[in-house]
PDB file of N, CA and C in Angstrom:
ATOM      1  N   UNK A   1      -8.467 -11.974 -50.071  1.00  0.00           N
ATOM      2  CA  UNK A   1      -7.900 -12.319 -48.558  1.00  0.00           C
ATOM      3  C   UNK A   1      -7.232 -13.562 -49.066  1.00  0.00           C
ATOM      4  N   UNK A   2      -5.899 -13.469 -48.731  1.00  0.00           N
ATOM      5  CA  UNK A   2      -5.078 -14.777 -48.439  1.00  0.00           C
ATOM      6  C   UNK A   2      -5.589 -15.574 -47.643  1.00  0.00           C
ATOM      7  N   UNK A   3      -5.363 -16.629 -47.655  1.00  0.00           N
ATOM      8  CA  UNK A   3      -5.068 -17.954 -46.889  1.00  0.00           C
ATOM      9  C   UNK A   3      -3.597 -17.450 -45.839  1.00  0.00           C
ATOM     10  N   UNK A   4      -3.365 -18.213 -44.480  1.00  0.00           N
ATOM     11  CA  UNK A   4      -2.987 -18.400 -43.600  1.00  0.00           C
ATOM     12  C   UNK A   4      -1.219 -18.631 -44.527  1.00  0.00           C
ATOM     13  N   UNK A   5      -1.256 -19.255 -45.289  1.00  0.00           N
ATOM     14  CA  UNK A   5      -0.193 -19.983 -46.010  1.00  0.00           C
ATOM     15  C   UNK A   5       0.483 -18.990 -46.960  1.00  0.00           C
ATOM     16  N   UNK A   6      -0.517 -18.574 -47.696  1.00  0.00           N
ATOM     17  CA  UNK A   6      -0.182 -17.385 -48.713  1.00  0.00           C
ATOM     18  C   UNK A   6       0.448 -15.936 -47.898  1.00  0.00           C
ATOM     19  N   UNK A   7      -0.065 -15.928 -46.465  1.00  0.00           N
ATOM     20  CA  UNK A   7       0.528 -14.443 -46.246  1.00  0.00           C
ATOM     21  C   UNK A   7       2.023 -14.724 -45.525  1.00  0.00           C
ATOM     22  N   UNK A   8       2.405 -16.042 -45.207  1.00  0.00           N
ATOM     23  CA  UNK A   8       3.039 -16.661 -44.689  1.00  0.00           C
ATOM     24  C   UNK A   8       4.505 -16.474 -46.176  1.00  0.00           C
ATOM     25  N   UNK A   9       3.928 -17.001 -47.158  1.00  0.00           N
ATOM     26  CA  UNK A   9       4.999 -17.125 -48.402  1.00  0.00           C
ATOM     27  C   UNK A   9       5.147 -15.710 -48.639  1.00  0.00           C
ATOM     28  N   UNK A  10       4.032 -14.996 -48.497  1.00  0.00           N
ATOM     29  CA  UNK A  10       4.323 -13.587 -48.938  1.00  0.00           C
ATOM     30  C   UNK A  10       5.138 -12.825 -47.845  1.00  0.00           C
ATOM     31  N   UNK A  11       5.205 -13.139 -46.723  1.00  0.00           N
ATOM     32  CA  UNK A  11       6.261 -12.281 -45.696  1.00  0.00           C
ATOM     33  C   UNK A  11       7.883 -12.813 -45.814  1.00  0.00           C
ATOM     34  N   UNK A  12       7.491 -14.350 -46.207  1.00  0.00           N
ATOM     35  CA  UNK A  12       9.140 -14.580 -46.884  1.00  0.00           C
ATOM     36  C   UNK A  12       9.695 -14.162 -47.576  1.00  0.00           C
ATOM     37  N   UNK A  13       9.027 -13.535 -48.275  1.00  0.00           N
ATOM     38  CA  UNK A  13       9.503 -12.693 -49.689  1.00  0.00           C
ATOM     39  C   UNK A  13       9.633 -11.367 -49.817  1.00  0.00           C
ATOM     40  N   UNK A  14       8.571 -10.787 -48.440  1.00  0.00           N
ATOM     41  CA  UNK A  14       9.166  -9.561 -47.994  1.00  0.00           C
ATOM     42  C   UNK A  14      10.154  -9.368 -47.776  1.00  0.00           C
ATOM     43  N   UNK A  15      10.902 -10.263 -46.264  1.00  0.00           N
ATOM     44  CA  UNK A  15      12.260 -10.385 -46.189  1.00  0.00           C
ATOM     45  C   UNK A  15      13.182 -10.378 -46.787  1.00  0.00           C
ATOM     46  N   UNK A  16      12.958 -11.591 -48.161  1.00  0.00           N
ATOM     47  CA  UNK A  16      13.730 -11.449 -49.230  1.00  0.00           C
ATOM     48  C   UNK A  16      14.417  -9.945 -49.854  1.00  0.00           C
ATOM     49  N   UNK A  17      13.005  -9.889 -50.341  1.00  0.00           N
ATOM     50  CA  UNK A  17      12.943  -8.450 -51.501  1.00  0.00           C
ATOM     51  C   UNK A  17      13.498  -7.477 -50.649  1.00  0.00           C
ATOM     52  N   UNK A  18      13.000  -7.116 -49.363  1.00  0.00           N
ATOM     53  CA  UNK A  18      13.546  -6.037 -48.332  1.00  0.00           C
ATOM     54  C   UNK A  18      15.029  -5.978 -48.467  1.00  0.00           C
ATOM     55  N   UNK A  19      15.567  -7.105 -48.134  1.00  0.00           N
ATOM     56  CA  UNK A  19      16.665  -7.159 -47.805  1.00  0.00           C
ATOM     57  C   UNK A  19      17.814  -7.086 -49.227  1.00  0.00           C
ATOM     58  N   UNK A  20      17.177  -7.416 -50.336  1.00  0.00           N
ATOM     59  CA  UNK A  20      18.017  -7.140 -51.579  1.00  0.00           C
ATOM     60  C   UNK A  20      17.874  -5.637 -52.036  1.00  0.00           C
ATOM     61  N   UNK A  21      16.802  -5.170 -51.501  1.00  0.00           N
ATOM     62  CA  UNK A  21      16.506  -3.386 -51.526  1.00  0.00           C
ATOM     63  C   UNK A  21      17.444  -2.734 -51.102  1.00  0.00           C
ATOM     64  N   UNK A  22      17.689  -3.427 -49.315  1.00  0.00           N
ATOM     65  CA  UNK A  22      18.690  -2.505 -48.537  1.00  0.00           C
ATOM     66  C   UNK A  22      20.499  -2.924 -49.115  1.00  0.00           C
ATOM     67  N   UNK A  23      20.501  -4.025 -50.049  1.00  0.00           N
ATOM     68  CA  UNK A  23      21.887  -4.009 -50.154  1.00  0.00           C
ATOM     69  C   UNK A  23      21.951  -3.290 -51.561  1.00  0.00           C
ATOM     70  N   UNK A  24      20.985  -3.041 -52.218  1.00  0.00           N
ATOM     71  CA  UNK A  24      21.224  -2.140 -53.386  1.00  0.00           C
ATOM     72  C   UNK A  24      21.412  -0.940 -53.215  1.00  0.00           C
ATOM     73  N   UNK A  25      20.646  -0.365 -52.230  1.00  0.00           N
ATOM     74  CA  UNK A  25      20.797   1.236 -51.725  1.00  0.00           C
ATOM     75  C   UNK A  25      21.967   1.502 -51.134  1.00  0.00           C
ATOM     76  N   UNK A  26      22.941   0.249 -50.511  1.00  0.00           N
ATOM     77  CA  UNK A  26      24.092   0.274 -50.138  1.00  0.00           C
ATOM     78  C   UNK A  26      25.224   0.746 -51.424  1.00  0.00           C
ATOM     79  N   UNK A  27      24.766  -0.144 -52.588  1.00  0.00           N
ATOM     80  CA  UNK A  27      25.822  -0.230 -53.374  1.00  0.00           C
ATOM     81  C   UNK A  27      25.442   0.790 -54.626  1.00  0.00           C
ATOM     82  N   UNK A  28      24.213   1.322 -54.413  1.00  0.00           N
ATOM     83  CA  UNK A  28      23.950   2.516 -55.661  1.00  0.00           C
ATOM     84  C   UNK A  28      23.431   3.353 -54.872  1.00  0.00           C
ATOM     85  N   UNK A  29      23.926   4.698 -55.529  1.00  0.00           N
ATOM     86  CA  UNK A  29      23.024   6.064 -54.962  1.00  0.00           C
ATOM     87  C   UNK A  29      21.451   6.050 -55.861  1.00  0.00           C
ATOM     88  N   UNK A  30      20.853   6.211 -54.588  1.00  0.00           N
ATOM     89  CA  UNK A  30      19.324   6.254 -54.945  1.00  0.00           C
ATOM     90  C   UNK A  30      18.547   5.638 -56.329  1.00  0.00           C
ATOM     91  N   UNK A  31      19.046   4.139 -55.904  1.00  0.00           N
ATOM     92  CA  UNK A  31      18.486   3.448 -57.101  1.00  0.00           C
ATOM     93  C   UNK A  31      16.859   3.200 -56.807  1.00  0.00           C
ATOM     94  N   UNK A  32      16.606   2.797 -58.171  1.00  0.00           N
ATOM     95  CA  UNK A  32      14.905   2.357 -58.053  1.00  0.00           C
ATOM     96  C   UNK A  32      14.504   1.130 -57.623  1.00  0.00           C
ATOM     97  N   UNK A  33      13.651   0.811 -56.566  1.00  0.00           N
ATOM     98  CA  UNK A  33      13.415  -0.306 -56.157  1.00  0.00           C
ATOM     99  C   UNK A  33      12.261  -1.180 -56.960  1.00  0.00           C
ATOM    100  N   UNK A  34      12.229  -2.297 -57.654  1.00  0.00           N
ATOM    101  CA  UNK A  34      11.567  -3.012 -58.798  1.00  0.00           C
ATOM    102  C   UNK A  34      10.338  -3.266 -57.629  1.00  0.00           C
ATOM    103  N   UNK A  35       8.921  -2.762 -58.368  1.00  0.00           N
ATOM    104  CA  UNK A  35       7.983  -4.097 -57.250  1.00  0.00           C
ATOM    105  C   UNK A  35       8.249  -5.204 -57.074  1.00  0.00           C
ATOM    106  N   UNK A  36       7.861  -5.844 -55.920  1.00  0.00           N
ATOM    107  CA  UNK A  36       7.701  -6.894 -55.814  1.00  0.00           C
ATOM    108  C   UNK A  36       6.716  -8.173 -56.484  1.00  0.00           C
ATOM    109  N   UNK A  37       5.571  -7.450 -57.338  1.00  0.00           N
ATOM    110  CA  UNK A  37       4.596  -7.992 -57.991  1.00  0.00           C
ATOM    111  C   UNK A  37       3.642  -8.678 -56.457  1.00  0.00           C
ATOM    112  N   UNK A  38       3.364  -8.420 -55.625  1.00  0.00           N
ATOM    113  CA  UNK A  38       2.951  -9.530 -54.785  1.00  0.00           C
ATOM    114  C   UNK A  38       1.535 -10.007 -54.976  1.00  0.00           C
ATOM    115  N   UNK A  39       0.973  -9.587 -55.820  1.00  0.00           N
ATOM    116  CA  UNK A  39      -0.548 -10.113 -56.234  1.00  0.00           C
ATOM    117  C   UNK A  39      -0.075 -11.279 -57.046  1.00  0.00           C
ATOM    118  N   UNK A  40       1.181 -11.168 -58.165  1.00  0.00           N
ATOM    119  CA  UNK A  40       1.204 -11.948 -59.275  1.00  0.00           C
ATOM    120  C   UNK A  40       1.742 -13.245 -58.091  1.00  0.00           C
ATOM    121  N   UNK A  41       3.055 -12.887 -57.630  1.00  0.00           N
ATOM    122  CA  UNK A  41       3.394 -13.748 -57.119  1.00  0.00           C
ATOM    123  C   UNK A  41       2.674 -15.254 -56.433  1.00  0.00           C
ATOM    124  N   UNK A  42       1.665 -14.934 -55.960  1.00  0.00           N
ATOM    125  CA  UNK A  42       0.547 -15.808 -55.116  1.00  0.00           C
ATOM    126  C   UNK A  42       0.446 -16.667 -55.836  1.00  0.00           C
ATOM    127  N   UNK A  43       0.103 -16.404 -57.303  1.00  0.00           N
ATOM    128  CA  UNK A  43      -0.113 -17.502 -58.487  1.00  0.00           C
ATOM    129  C   UNK A  43       0.983 -17.990 -59.267  1.00  0.00           C
ATOM    130  N   UNK A  44       1.827 -16.986 -59.523  1.00  0.00           N
ATOM    131  CA  UNK A  44       3.020 -17.378 -59.975  1.00  0.00           C
ATOM    132  C   UNK A  44       3.944 -18.455 -59.419  1.00  0.00           C
ATOM    133  N   UNK A  45       3.791 -18.403 -58.092  1.00  0.00           N
ATOM    134  CA  UNK A  45       4.730 -19.219 -57.335  1.00  0.00           C
ATOM    135  C   UNK A  45       4.085 -20.334 -56.778  1.00  0.00           C
ATOM    136  N   UNK A  46       2.722 -20.480 -56.634  1.00  0.00           N
ATOM    137  CA  UNK A  46       1.650 -21.244 -56.143  1.00  0.00           C
ATOM    138  C   UNK A  46       1.871 -21.396 -54.905  1.00  0.00           C
ATOM    139  N   UNK A  47       1.685 -20.227 -53.981  1.00  0.00           N
ATOM    140  CA  UNK A  47       2.069 -20.014 -52.497  1.00  0.00           C
ATOM    141  C   UNK A  47       1.198 -21.175 -51.720  1.00  0.00           C
ATOM    142  N   UNK A  48      -0.349 -21.094 -52.108  1.00  0.00           N
ATOM    143  CA  UNK A  48      -1.228 -22.209 -51.475  1.00  0.00           C
ATOM    144  C   UNK A  48      -0.648 -23.745 -51.601  1.00  0.00           C
ATOM    145  N   UNK A  49       0.244 -23.883 -52.487  1.00  0.00           N
ATOM    146  CA  UNK A  49       0.633 -25.295 -52.696  1.00  0.00           C
ATOM    147  C   UNK A  49       2.036 -25.908 -52.131  1.00  0.00           C
ATOM    148  N   UNK A  50       2.467 -24.625 -51.330  1.00  0.00           N
ATOM    149  CA  UNK A  50       4.064 -24.619 -50.968  1.00  0.00           C
ATOM    150  C   UNK A  50       3.773 -26.033 -49.523  1.00  0.00           C
ATOM    151  N   UNK A  51       4.969 -26.237 -48.742  1.00  0.00           N
ATOM    152  CA  UNK A  51       5.391 -26.806 -48.025  1.00  0.00           C
ATOM    153  C   UNK A  51       4.960 -26.116 -46.729  1.00  0.00           C
ATOM    154  N   UNK A  52       4.170 -25.855 -45.699  1.00  0.00           N
ATOM    155  CA  UNK A  52       4.470 -24.950 -44.951  1.00  0.00           C
ATOM    156  C   UNK A  52       5.431 -25.027 -43.688  1.00  0.00           C
ATOM    157  N   UNK A  53       5.893 -26.544 -43.588  1.00  0.00           N
ATOM    158  CA  UNK A  53       7.047 -26.392 -42.868  1.00  0.00           C
ATOM    159  C   UNK A  53       8.536 -25.784 -43.548  1.00  0.00           C
ATOM    160  N   UNK A  54       8.372 -25.899 -44.607  1.00  0.00           N
ATOM    161  CA  UNK A  54       9.441 -25.580 -45.661  1.00  0.00           C
ATOM    162  C   UNK A  54       9.554 -23.922 -45.486  1.00  0.00           C
ATOM    163  N   UNK A  55       7.972 -23.617 -45.488  1.00  0.00           N
ATOM    164  CA  UNK A  55       8.160 -22.058 -45.617  1.00  0.00           C
ATOM    165  C   UNK A  55       8.829 -21.364 -44.205  1.00  0.00           C
ATOM    166  N   UNK A  56       8.153 -22.077 -43.289  1.00  0.00           N
ATOM    167  CA  UNK A  56       8.493 -21.689 -41.611  1.00  0.00           C
ATOM    168  C   UNK A  56       9.978 -21.781 -41.649  1.00  0.00           C
ATOM    169  N   UNK A  57      10.702 -22.493 -42.491  1.00  0.00           N
ATOM    170  CA  UNK A  57      12.178 -22.962 -42.257  1.00  0.00           C
ATOM    171  C   UNK A  57      12.865 -21.019 -43.325  1.00  0.00           C
ATOM    172  N   UNK A  58      12.366 -21.293 -44.354  1.00  0.00           N
ATOM    173  CA  UNK A  58      12.294 -20.123 -45.167  1.00  0.00           C
ATOM    174  C   UNK A  58      12.266 -18.691 -44.702  1.00  0.00           C
ATOM    175  N   UNK A  59      11.638 -18.281 -43.926  1.00  0.00           N
ATOM    176  CA  UNK A  59      10.838 -17.311 -43.234  1.00  0.00           C
ATOM    177  C   UNK A  59      12.121 -17.064 -42.194  1.00  0.00           C
ATOM    178  N   UNK A  60      12.451 -17.986 -41.389  1.00  0.00           N
ATOM    179  CA  UNK A  60      13.519 -17.912 -40.417  1.00  0.00           C
ATOM    180  C   UNK A  60      15.145 -17.668 -41.540  1.00  0.00           C
ATOM    181  N   UNK A  61      15.163 -18.170 -41.908  1.00  0.00           N
ATOM    182  CA  UNK A  61      16.373 -18.126 -42.765  1.00  0.00           C
ATOM    183  C   UNK A  61      16.606 -16.625 -43.212  1.00  0.00           C
ATOM    184  N   UNK A  62      15.253 -16.047 -44.244  1.00  0.00           N
ATOM    185  CA  UNK A  62      15.332 -14.720 -44.392  1.00  0.00           C
ATOM    186  C   UNK A  62      15.281 -13.708 -43.648  1.00  0.00           C
ATOM    187  N   UNK A  63      14.648 -14.390 -42.273  1.00  0.00           N
ATOM    188  CA  UNK A  63      14.971 -13.063 -41.421  1.00  0.00           C
ATOM    189  C   UNK A  63      16.239 -12.848 -40.535  1.00  0.00           C
ATOM    190  N   UNK A  64      16.790 -14.044 -40.814  1.00  0.00           N
ATOM    191  CA  UNK A  64      18.276 -13.817 -40.060  1.00  0.00           C
ATOM    192  C   UNK A  64      19.293 -13.368 -41.110  1.00  0.00           C
ATOM    193  N   UNK A  65      18.926 -13.422 -42.203  1.00  0.00           N
ATOM    194  CA  UNK A  65      19.930 -12.781 -43.477  1.00  0.00           C
ATOM    195  C   UNK A  65      19.369 -11.219 -43.768  1.00  0.00           C
ATOM    196  N   UNK A  66      18.203 -10.681 -43.341  1.00  0.00           N
ATOM    197  CA  UNK A  66      18.053  -9.596 -43.153  1.00  0.00           C
ATOM    198  C   UNK A  66      18.368  -8.874 -42.084  1.00  0.00           C
ATOM    199  N   UNK A  67      18.161  -9.525 -40.663  1.00  0.00           N
ATOM    200  CA  UNK A  67      18.950  -9.349 -39.798  1.00  0.00           C
ATOM    201  C   UNK A  67      20.504  -9.101 -39.661  1.00  0.00           C
ATOM    202  N   UNK A  68      21.085  -9.697 -40.081  1.00  0.00           N
ATOM    203  CA  UNK A  68      22.735  -9.917 -40.447  1.00  0.00           C
ATOM    204  C   UNK A  68      22.848  -8.788 -41.468  1.00  0.00           C
ATOM    205  N   UNK A  69      22.511  -8.666 -42.445  1.00  0.00           N
ATOM    206  CA  UNK A  69      22.331  -7.296 -43.047  1.00  0.00           C
ATOM    207  C   UNK A  69      22.492  -5.875 -42.218  1.00  0.00           C
ATOM    208  N   UNK A  70      20.821  -6.143 -41.649  1.00  0.00           N
ATOM    209  CA  UNK A  70      21.113  -5.086 -40.615  1.00  0.00           C
ATOM    210  C   UNK A  70      22.249  -4.806 -39.589  1.00  0.00           C
ATOM    211  N   UNK A  71      22.475  -5.955 -39.164  1.00  0.00           N
ATOM    212  CA  UNK A  71      23.524  -5.762 -37.964  1.00  0.00           C
ATOM    213  C   UNK A  71      24.760  -5.035 -38.507  1.00  0.00           C
ATOM    214  N   UNK A  72      25.221  -5.235 -39.784  1.00  0.00           N
ATOM    215  CA  UNK A  72      26.393  -4.653 -40.623  1.00  0.00           C
ATOM    216  C   UNK A  72      26.299  -3.040 -40.760  1.00  0.00           C
ATOM    217  N   UNK A  73      25.366  -2.653 -40.779  1.00  0.00           N
ATOM    218  CA  UNK A  73      24.925  -1.070 -41.407  1.00  0.00           C
ATOM    219  C   UNK A  73      25.618  -0.276 -40.109  1.00  0.00           C
ATOM    220  N   UNK A  74      26.531   1.034 -40.602  1.00  0.00           N
ATOM    221  CA  UNK A  74      27.320   1.785 -39.993  1.00  0.00           C
ATOM    222  C   UNK A  74      25.798   3.098 -39.870  1.00  0.00           C
ATOM    223  N   UNK A  75      26.333   4.159 -39.490  1.00  0.00           N
ATOM    224  CA  UNK A  75      25.238   5.197 -39.396  1.00  0.00           C
ATOM    225  C   UNK A  75      25.064   5.510 -40.681  1.00  0.00           C
ATOM    226  N   UNK A  76      25.799   6.135 -41.293  1.00  0.00           N
ATOM    227  CA  UNK A  76      25.684   6.669 -42.678  1.00  0.00           C
ATOM    228  C   UNK A  76      24.615   5.953 -43.686  1.00  0.00           C
ATOM    229  N   UNK A  77      24.894   4.334 -43.266  1.00  0.00           N
ATOM    230  CA  UNK A  77      23.994   3.261 -44.638  1.00  0.00           C
ATOM    231  C   UNK A  77      22.661   3.529 -44.022  1.00  0.00           C
ATOM    232  N   UNK A  78      22.240   3.511 -42.897  1.00  0.00           N
ATOM    233  CA  UNK A  78      20.770   3.884 -42.457  1.00  0.00           C
ATOM    234  C   UNK A  78      20.148   5.393 -43.343  1.00  0.00           C
ATOM    235  N   UNK A  79      20.812   5.911 -43.609  1.00  0.00           N
ATOM    236  CA  UNK A  79      20.328   6.888 -44.298  1.00  0.00           C
ATOM    237  C   UNK A  79      20.277   7.033 -45.448  1.00  0.00           C
ATOM    238  N   UNK A  80      20.835   5.840 -46.375  1.00  0.00           N
ATOM    239  CA  UNK A  80      21.071   5.722 -47.801  1.00  0.00           C
ATOM    240  C   UNK A  80      19.372   5.378 -48.455  1.00  0.00           C
ATOM    241  N   UNK A  81      19.563   6.054 -49.335  1.00  0.00           N
ATOM    242  CA  UNK A  81      17.568   6.290 -50.351  1.00  0.00           C
ATOM    243  C   UNK A  81      18.029   5.393 -51.799  1.00  0.00           C
ATOM    244  N   UNK A  82      16.503   4.746 -51.532  1.00  0.00           N
ATOM    245  CA  UNK A  82      15.811   4.523 -52.682  1.00  0.00           C
ATOM    246  C   UNK A  82      14.645   4.686 -53.226  1.00  0.00           C
ATOM    247  N   UNK A  83      14.143   4.990 -54.753  1.00  0.00           N
ATOM    248  CA  UNK A  83      13.341   5.448 -55.066  1.00  0.00           C
ATOM    249  C   UNK A  83      11.617   3.989 -54.850  1.00  0.00           C
ATOM    250  N   UNK A  84      11.319   4.168 -54.062  1.00  0.00           N
ATOM    251  CA  UNK A  84       9.799   3.136 -53.751  1.00  0.00           C
ATOM    252  C   UNK A  84       8.920   3.321 -53.906  1.00  0.00           C
ATOM    253  N   UNK A  85       8.350   2.433 -54.488  1.00  0.00           N
ATOM    254  CA  UNK A  85       6.723   2.608 -55.190  1.00  0.00           C
ATOM    255  C   UNK A  85       5.597   1.848 -54.569  1.00  0.00           C
ATOM    256  N   UNK A  86       5.742   2.030 -53.098  1.00  0.00           N
ATOM    257  CA  UNK A  86       4.524   1.452 -52.664  1.00  0.00           C
ATOM    258  C   UNK A  86       4.520   1.819 -50.782  1.00  0.00           C
ATOM    259  N   UNK A  87       3.278   2.353 -50.752  1.00  0.00           N
ATOM    260  CA  UNK A  87       2.098   2.798 -51.583  1.00  0.00           C
ATOM    261  C   UNK A  87       2.173   3.584 -52.595  1.00  0.00           C
ATOM    262  N   UNK A  88       2.972   4.572 -52.346  1.00  0.00           N
ATOM    263  CA  UNK A  88       3.199   6.001 -53.527  1.00  0.00           C
ATOM    264  C   UNK A  88       4.812   5.987 -53.472  1.00  0.00           C
ATOM    265  N   UNK A  89       5.011   6.241 -54.874  1.00  0.00           N
ATOM    266  CA  UNK A  89       6.398   6.284 -55.094  1.00  0.00           C
ATOM    267  C   UNK A  89       6.723   7.706 -54.248  1.00  0.00           C
ATOM    268  N   UNK A  90       7.899   7.406 -53.590  1.00  0.00           N
ATOM    269  CA  UNK A  90       8.866   8.009 -52.807  1.00  0.00           C
ATOM    270  C   UNK A  90      10.277   7.621 -52.381  1.00  0.00           C
ATOM    271  N   UNK A  91      10.881   8.544 -51.999  1.00  0.00           N
ATOM    272  CA  UNK A  91      12.359   8.387 -51.934  1.00  0.00           C
ATOM    273  C   UNK A  91      12.310   7.718 -50.183  1.00  0.00           C
ATOM    274  N   UNK A  92      12.841   6.364 -50.076  1.00  0.00           N
ATOM    275  CA  UNK A  92      12.622   5.804 -48.850  1.00  0.00           C
ATOM    276  C   UNK A  92      14.111   5.525 -48.239  1.00  0.00           C
ATOM    277  N   UNK A  93      14.649   5.899 -46.779  1.00  0.00           N
ATOM    278  CA  UNK A  93      15.959   5.255 -46.729  1.00  0.00           C
ATOM    279  C   UNK A  93      15.792   3.971 -46.136  1.00  0.00           C
ATOM    280  N   UNK A  94      17.106   3.579 -45.887  1.00  0.00           N
ATOM    281  CA  UNK A  94      17.238   2.166 -45.085  1.00  0.00           C
ATOM    282  C   UNK A  94      16.749   1.921 -44.392  1.00  0.00           C
ATOM    283  N   UNK A  95      16.979   2.695 -43.062  1.00  0.00           N
ATOM    284  CA  UNK A  95      15.589   2.930 -41.836  1.00  0.00           C
ATOM    285  C   UNK A  95      14.561   2.666 -41.998  1.00  0.00           C
ATOM    286  N   UNK A  96      13.738   3.527 -42.960  1.00  0.00           N
ATOM    287  CA  UNK A  96      12.433   3.261 -43.278  1.00  0.00           C
ATOM    288  C   UNK A  96      12.224   1.950 -43.366  1.00  0.00           C
ATOM    289  N   UNK A  97      12.833   1.210 -44.626  1.00  0.00           N
ATOM    290  CA  UNK A  97      12.422   0.016 -45.011  1.00  0.00           C
ATOM    291  C   UNK A  97      12.575  -1.201 -43.963  1.00  0.00           C
ATOM    292  N   UNK A  98      13.521  -0.966 -43.008  1.00  0.00           N
ATOM    293  CA  UNK A  98      13.664  -1.701 -42.021  1.00  0.00           C
ATOM    294  C   UNK A  98      12.501  -1.828 -41.151  1.00  0.00           C
ATOM    295  N   UNK A  99      11.833  -0.684 -40.723  1.00  0.00           N
ATOM    296  CA  UNK A  99      10.938  -0.542 -39.759  1.00  0.00           C
ATOM    297  C   UNK A  99       9.933  -0.774 -40.650  1.00  0.00           C
ATOM    298  N   UNK A 100       9.755  -0.464 -42.115  1.00  0.00           N
ATOM    299  CA  UNK A 100       8.203  -0.974 -42.558  1.00  0.00           C
ATOM    300  C   UNK A 100       8.235  -2.557 -42.826  1.00  0.00           C
ATOM    301  N   UNK A 101       9.245  -3.170 -43.048  1.00  0.00           N
ATOM    302  CA  UNK A 101       9.319  -4.491 -43.090  1.00  0.00           C
ATOM    303  C   UNK A 101       8.906  -5.244 -41.489  1.00  0.00           C
ATOM    304  N   UNK A 102       9.350  -4.830 -40.352  1.00  0.00           N
ATOM    305  CA  UNK A 102       8.929  -5.271 -39.229  1.00  0.00           C
ATOM    306  C   UNK A 102       7.172  -5.271 -39.090  1.00  0.00           C
ATOM    307  N   UNK A 103       7.016  -3.477 -39.553  1.00  0.00           N
ATOM    308  CA  UNK A 103       5.507  -3.410 -39.513  1.00  0.00           C
ATOM    309  C   UNK A 103       4.810  -4.485 -40.637  1.00  0.00           C
ATOM    310  N   UNK A 104       5.496  -4.872 -41.379  1.00  0.00           N
ATOM    311  CA  UNK A 104       4.676  -5.573 -42.293  1.00  0.00           C
ATOM    312  C   UNK A 104       4.311  -6.882 -41.503  1.00  0.00           C
ATOM    313  N   UNK A 105       5.362  -7.818 -41.416  1.00  0.00           N
ATOM    314  CA  UNK A 105       5.374  -8.585 -40.021  1.00  0.00           C
ATOM    315  C   UNK A 105       4.634  -8.750 -39.271  1.00  0.00           C
ATOM    316  N   UNK A 106       4.237  -7.902 -38.438  1.00  0.00           N
ATOM    317  CA  UNK A 106       3.354  -7.558 -37.510  1.00  0.00           C
ATOM    318  C   UNK A 106       1.664  -7.367 -37.914  1.00  0.00           C
ATOM    319  N   UNK A 107       1.792  -6.979 -39.068  1.00  0.00           N
ATOM    320  CA  UNK A 107       0.329  -6.638 -39.680  1.00  0.00           C
ATOM    321  C   UNK A 107      -0.147  -7.973 -40.254  1.00  0.00           C
ATOM    322  N   UNK A 108       0.970  -8.408 -40.879  1.00  0.00           N
ATOM    323  CA  UNK A 108       0.200 -10.015 -41.706  1.00  0.00           C
ATOM    324  C   UNK A 108       0.198 -10.955 -40.178  1.00  0.00           C
ATOM    325  N   UNK A 109       0.868 -11.009 -39.247  1.00  0.00           N
ATOM    326  CA  UNK A 109       0.376 -12.097 -38.207  1.00  0.00           C
ATOM    327  C   UNK A 109      -0.914 -11.628 -37.784  1.00  0.00           C
ATOM    328  N   UNK A 110      -1.221 -10.665 -37.603  1.00  0.00           N
ATOM    329  CA  UNK A 110      -2.550  -9.822 -36.937  1.00  0.00           C
ATOM    330  C   UNK A 110      -3.620 -10.498 -38.051  1.00  0.00           C
ATOM    331  N   UNK A 111      -3.607 -10.145 -39.238  1.00  0.00           N
ATOM    332  CA  UNK A 111      -4.387 -10.728 -40.485  1.00  0.00           C
ATOM    333  C   UNK A 111      -4.274 -12.560 -40.284  1.00  0.00           C
ATOM    334  N   UNK A 112      -3.339 -13.413 -40.038  1.00  0.00           N
ATOM    335  CA  UNK A 112      -3.436 -14.717 -39.873  1.00  0.00           C
ATOM    336  C   UNK A 112      -4.336 -14.819 -38.896  1.00  0.00           C
ATOM    337  N   UNK A 113      -4.021 -14.320 -37.659  1.00  0.00           N
ATOM    338  CA  UNK A 113      -4.817 -14.661 -36.768  1.00  0.00           C
ATOM    339  C   UNK A 113      -6.225 -14.601 -36.449  1.00  0.00           C
ATOM    340  N   UNK A 114      -6.684 -13.131 -37.260  1.00  0.00           N
ATOM    341  CA  UNK A 114      -7.945 -12.603 -37.401  1.00  0.00           C
ATOM    342  C   UNK A 114      -8.815 -14.114 -38.140  1.00  0.00           C
ATOM    343  N   UNK A 115      -7.820 -14.169 -38.912  1.00  0.00           N
ATOM    344  CA  UNK A 115      -8.709 -15.291 -40.243  1.00  0.00           C
ATOM    345  C   UNK A 115      -8.428 -16.479 -39.270  1.00  0.00           C
ATOM    346  N   UNK A 116      -8.016 -17.197 -38.727  1.00  0.00           N
ATOM    347  CA  UNK A 116      -7.627 -18.253 -37.905  1.00  0.00           C
ATOM    348  C   UNK A 116      -8.726 -18.126 -36.573  1.00  0.00           C
ATOM    349  N   UNK A 117      -8.780 -17.224 -36.227  1.00  0.00           N
ATOM    350  CA  UNK A 117      -9.883 -16.946 -34.957  1.00  0.00           C
ATOM    351  C   UNK A 117     -11.528 -16.935 -35.554  1.00  0.00           C
ATOM    352  N   UNK A 118     -11.449 -16.474 -37.037  1.00  0.00           N
ATOM    353  CA  UNK A 118     -12.914 -16.780 -37.505  1.00  0.00           C
ATOM    354  C   UNK A 118     -13.707 -15.175 -37.468  1.00  0.00           C
ATOM    355  N   UNK A 119     -12.588 -14.361 -37.045  1.00  0.00           N
ATOM    356  CA  UNK A 119     -13.066 -13.281 -36.850  1.00  0.00           C
ATOM    357  C   UNK A 119     -12.996 -12.365 -38.323  1.00  0.00           C
TER     358      UNK A 119
END
């Protein structure tokens, strides 16, 4: 289990990585998306030592950048695909990536709320 700050850093990075994956899918036919190395990042980037206020700002910026990329998509862009390796290797389209990113945010907010409430 991660700390609330680690969850926040992770979600900031999810937003950034998903945006990069979407942009790659728009540029290249059926790219393979590299792992975001979620567990390694916690340690390598010292998530628990980051400034919470700065992380909050970075989440907002990353969310705005992802939303801006999604707003510019045409109908066919949502169907562009790439090879996604989590939780299992499958071809995933841009629409799935966008929906999964929102799901991850909701899921991690619930994780943090449970942790903070002591449940």
